C-alpha atoms as a PDB file:
ATOM      1  CA  UNK A   1       0.428   0.669 -20.299  1.00  0.00           C
ATOM      2  CA  UNK A   2       0.733   0.426 -16.537  1.00  0.00           C
ATOM      3  CA  UNK A   3       4.228   1.469 -14.582  1.00  0.00           C
ATOM      4  CA  UNK A   4       4.727  -1.714 -12.981  1.00  0.00           C
ATOM      5  CA  UNK A   5       8.485  -1.150 -12.035  1.00  0.00           C
ATOM      6  CA  UNK A   6       8.660  -0.186  -8.015  1.00  0.00           C
ATOM      7  CA  UNK A   7      10.248   3.363  -8.679  1.00  0.00           C
ATOM      8  CA  UNK A   8       9.093   6.624  -5.758  1.00  0.00           C
ATOM      9  CA  UNK A   9       7.118   7.299  -8.613  1.00  0.00           C
ATOM     10  CA  UNK A  10       4.931   4.805  -8.410  1.00  0.00           C
ATOM     11  CA  UNK A  11       5.590   4.733  -4.626  1.00  0.00           C
ATOM     12  CA  UNK A  12       4.902   7.751  -4.343  1.00  0.00           C
ATOM     13  CA  UNK A  13       1.562   7.762  -5.367  1.00  0.00           C
ATOM     14  CA  UNK A  14       0.184   4.208  -3.817  1.00  0.00           C
ATOM     15  CA  UNK A  15       0.991   5.352  -0.922  1.00  0.00           C
ATOM     16  CA  UNK A  16      -0.207   9.013  -1.078  1.00  0.00           C
ATOM     17  CA  UNK A  17      -3.828   6.986  -2.150  1.00  0.00           C
ATOM     18  CA  UNK A  18      -3.858   5.318   1.005  1.00  0.00           C
ATOM     19  CA  UNK A  19      -3.257   8.026   3.329  1.00  0.00           C
ATOM     20  CA  UNK A  20      -6.727   9.926   1.467  1.00  0.00           C
ATOM     21  CA  UNK A  21      -9.103   7.030   1.754  1.00  0.00           C
ATOM     22  CA  UNK A  22      -8.162   6.224   5.657  1.00  0.00           C
ATOM     23  CA  UNK A  23      -7.845  10.130   5.910  1.00  0.00           C
ATOM     24  CA  UNK A  24      -4.392   9.268   7.529  1.00  0.00           C
ATOM     25  CA  UNK A  25      -1.137  11.195   6.862  1.00  0.00           C
ATOM     26  CA  UNK A  26       2.154  10.319   4.811  1.00  0.00           C
ATOM     27  CA  UNK A  27       4.099   9.740   8.786  1.00  0.00           C
ATOM     28  CA  UNK A  28       1.323   8.290  10.108  1.00  0.00           C
ATOM     29  CA  UNK A  29       1.956   5.455   7.479  1.00  0.00           C
ATOM     30  CA  UNK A  30       5.253   5.121   8.259  1.00  0.00           C
ATOM     31  CA  UNK A  31       4.695   5.183  12.204  1.00  0.00           C
ATOM     32  CA  UNK A  32       5.097   2.768  15.102  1.00  0.00           C
ATOM     33  CA  UNK A  33       1.446   3.530  15.373  1.00  0.00           C
ATOM     34  CA  UNK A  34      -0.551   0.702  15.523  1.00  0.00           C
ATOM     35  CA  UNK A  35      -4.246   1.787  15.867  1.00  0.00           C
ATOM     36  CA  UNK A  36      -7.024   1.009  13.413  1.00  0.00           C
ATOM     37  CA  UNK A  37      -6.724   3.213  10.939  1.00  0.00           C
ATOM     38  CA  UNK A  38      -3.313   3.650  10.914  1.00  0.00           C
ATOM     39  CA  UNK A  39      -2.543  -0.244  10.697  1.00  0.00           C
ATOM     40  CA  UNK A  40      -5.264  -0.903   8.071  1.00  0.00           C
ATOM     41  CA  UNK A  41      -3.538   2.104   5.372  1.00  0.00           C
ATOM     42  CA  UNK A  42       0.043   0.784   6.121  1.00  0.00           C
ATOM     43  CA  UNK A  43      -0.542  -2.699   5.884  1.00  0.00           C
ATOM     44  CA  UNK A  44      -2.942  -2.170   2.505  1.00  0.00           C
ATOM     45  CA  UNK A  45      -0.131   0.390   1.231  1.00  0.00           C
ATOM     46  CA  UNK A  46       2.178  -3.162   1.645  1.00  0.00           C
ATOM     47  CA  UNK A  47      -0.484  -5.001  -0.674  1.00  0.00           C
ATOM     48  CA  UNK A  48      -1.033  -2.329  -3.287  1.00  0.00           C
ATOM     49  CA  UNK A  49       3.169  -2.743  -3.695  1.00  0.00           C
ATOM     50  CA  UNK A  50       3.063  -6.273  -3.943  1.00  0.00           C
ATOM     51  CA  UNK A  51       0.602  -6.871  -6.276  1.00  0.00           C
ATOM     52  CA  UNK A  52       0.742  -3.492  -8.946  1.00  0.00           C
ATOM     53  CA  UNK A  53       4.522  -3.398  -8.525  1.00  0.00           C
ATOM     54  CA  UNK A  54       5.825  -6.758  -7.761  1.00  0.00           C
ATOM     55  CA  UNK A  55       7.650  -5.490  -4.933  1.00  0.00           C
ATOM     56  CA  UNK A  56       9.518  -7.710  -2.875  1.00  0.00           C
ATOM     57  CA  UNK A  57       8.720  -8.154   0.689  1.00  0.00           C
ATOM     58  CA  UNK A  58      11.642  -6.919   1.497  1.00  0.00           C
ATOM     59  CA  UNK A  59      11.397  -3.608  -0.613  1.00  0.00           C
ATOM     60  CA  UNK A  60       8.529  -3.390   0.970  1.00  0.00           C
ATOM     61  CA  UNK A  61       9.333  -3.953   4.387  1.00  0.00           C
ATOM     62  CA  UNK A  62      12.272  -1.226   4.242  1.00  0.00           C
ATOM     63  CA  UNK A  63      10.474   1.258   2.490  1.00  0.00           C
ATOM     64  CA  UNK A  64       8.166   1.317   6.054  1.00  0.00           C
ATOM     65  CA  UNK A  65      11.285   0.811   7.910  1.00  0.00           C
ATOM     66  CA  UNK A  66       9.845  -3.305   8.963  1.00  0.00           C
ATOM     67  CA  UNK A  67      10.204  -7.166   8.307  1.00  0.00           C
ATOM     68  CA  UNK A  68       9.700  -8.756   5.511  1.00  0.00           C
ATOM     69  CA  UNK A  69       7.807 -10.469   8.113  1.00  0.00           C
ATOM     70  CA  UNK A  70       5.190  -7.497   8.806  1.00  0.00           C
ATOM     71  CA  UNK A  71       4.112  -7.548   4.714  1.00  0.00           C
ATOM     72  CA  UNK A  72       3.791 -11.202   5.020  1.00  0.00           C
ATOM     73  CA  UNK A  73       0.889 -10.866   7.900  1.00  0.00           C
ATOM     74  CA  UNK A  74      -0.792  -7.890   6.149  1.00  0.00           C
ATOM     75  CA  UNK A  75      -1.434 -10.009   3.009  1.00  0.00           C
ATOM     76  CA  UNK A  76      -3.037 -13.061   5.535  1.00  0.00           C
ATOM     77  CA  UNK A  77      -4.551  -9.744   6.920  1.00  0.00           C
ATOM     78  CA  UNK A  78      -5.908  -8.339   4.436  1.00  0.00           C
ATOM     79  CA  UNK A  79      -7.247 -11.582   2.494  1.00  0.00           C
ATOM     80  CA  UNK A  80      -8.829 -12.186   5.439  1.00  0.00           C
ATOM     81  CA  UNK A  81     -11.059  -8.779   5.899  1.00  0.00           C
ATOM     82  CA  UNK A  82     -13.583  -8.062   3.473  1.00  0.00           C
ATOM     83  CA  UNK A  83     -13.656  -4.084   4.078  1.00  0.00           C
ATOM     84  CA  UNK A  84      -9.674  -3.608   4.005  1.00  0.00           C
ATOM     85  CA  UNK A  85     -10.168  -6.077   0.609  1.00  0.00           C
ATOM     86  CA  UNK A  86     -12.937  -3.762  -0.918  1.00  0.00           C
ATOM     87  CA  UNK A  87     -10.166  -1.424  -0.095  1.00  0.00           C
ATOM     88  CA  UNK A  88      -7.525  -2.610  -1.805  1.00  0.00           C
ATOM     89  CA  UNK A  89      -9.481  -3.329  -4.294  1.00  0.00           C
ATOM     90  CA  UNK A  90     -10.999   0.191  -5.180  1.00  0.00           C
ATOM     91  CA  UNK A  91      -7.439   1.716  -4.600  1.00  0.00           C
ATOM     92  CA  UNK A  92      -5.823  -0.389  -7.233  1.00  0.00           C
ATOM     93  CA  UNK A  93      -8.305   1.029  -9.978  1.00  0.00           C
ATOM     94  CA  UNK A  94      -7.658   4.336  -9.134  1.00  0.00           C
ATOM     95  CA  UNK A  95      -3.764   4.304  -8.632  1.00  0.00           C
ATOM     96  CA  UNK A  96      -3.941   2.209 -12.943  1.00  0.00           C
ATOM     97  CA  UNK A  97      -5.937   4.846 -13.565  1.00  0.00           C
ATOM     98  CA  UNK A  98      -3.851   7.752 -12.192  1.00  0.00           C
ATOM     99  CA  UNK A  99      -0.958   6.229 -13.472  1.00  0.00           C
ATOM    100  CA  UNK A 100      -2.385   5.837 -17.276  1.00  0.00           C
ATOM    101  CA  UNK A 101      -3.224   9.369 -17.044  1.00  0.00           C
ATOM    102  CA  UNK A 102       0.346   9.994 -15.165  1.00  0.00           C
ATOM    103  CA  UNK A 103       2.267   8.465 -18.172  1.00  0.00           C
END
């Protein structure tokens, strides 16, 4: 059974998977840097938290020190970029597999 609660353990797992995928650090994901690697990784992490953990837009925004409208923008960006959709789907599958092993 997959734990869909928004908690630190689940949040950290998503962030670590995304950082690894985009070859960046956790600090990069939280930074104000707008490089495509960092912003795409941040956007994918936001969408995964929304879809996998049922987080509110405000909760996700708070994790990243941003407004809920940034999370809305991230979702729109992911929805229109096939490459990012594929990455998000692969990471969602990895998350589900890892969270089942951990629990």
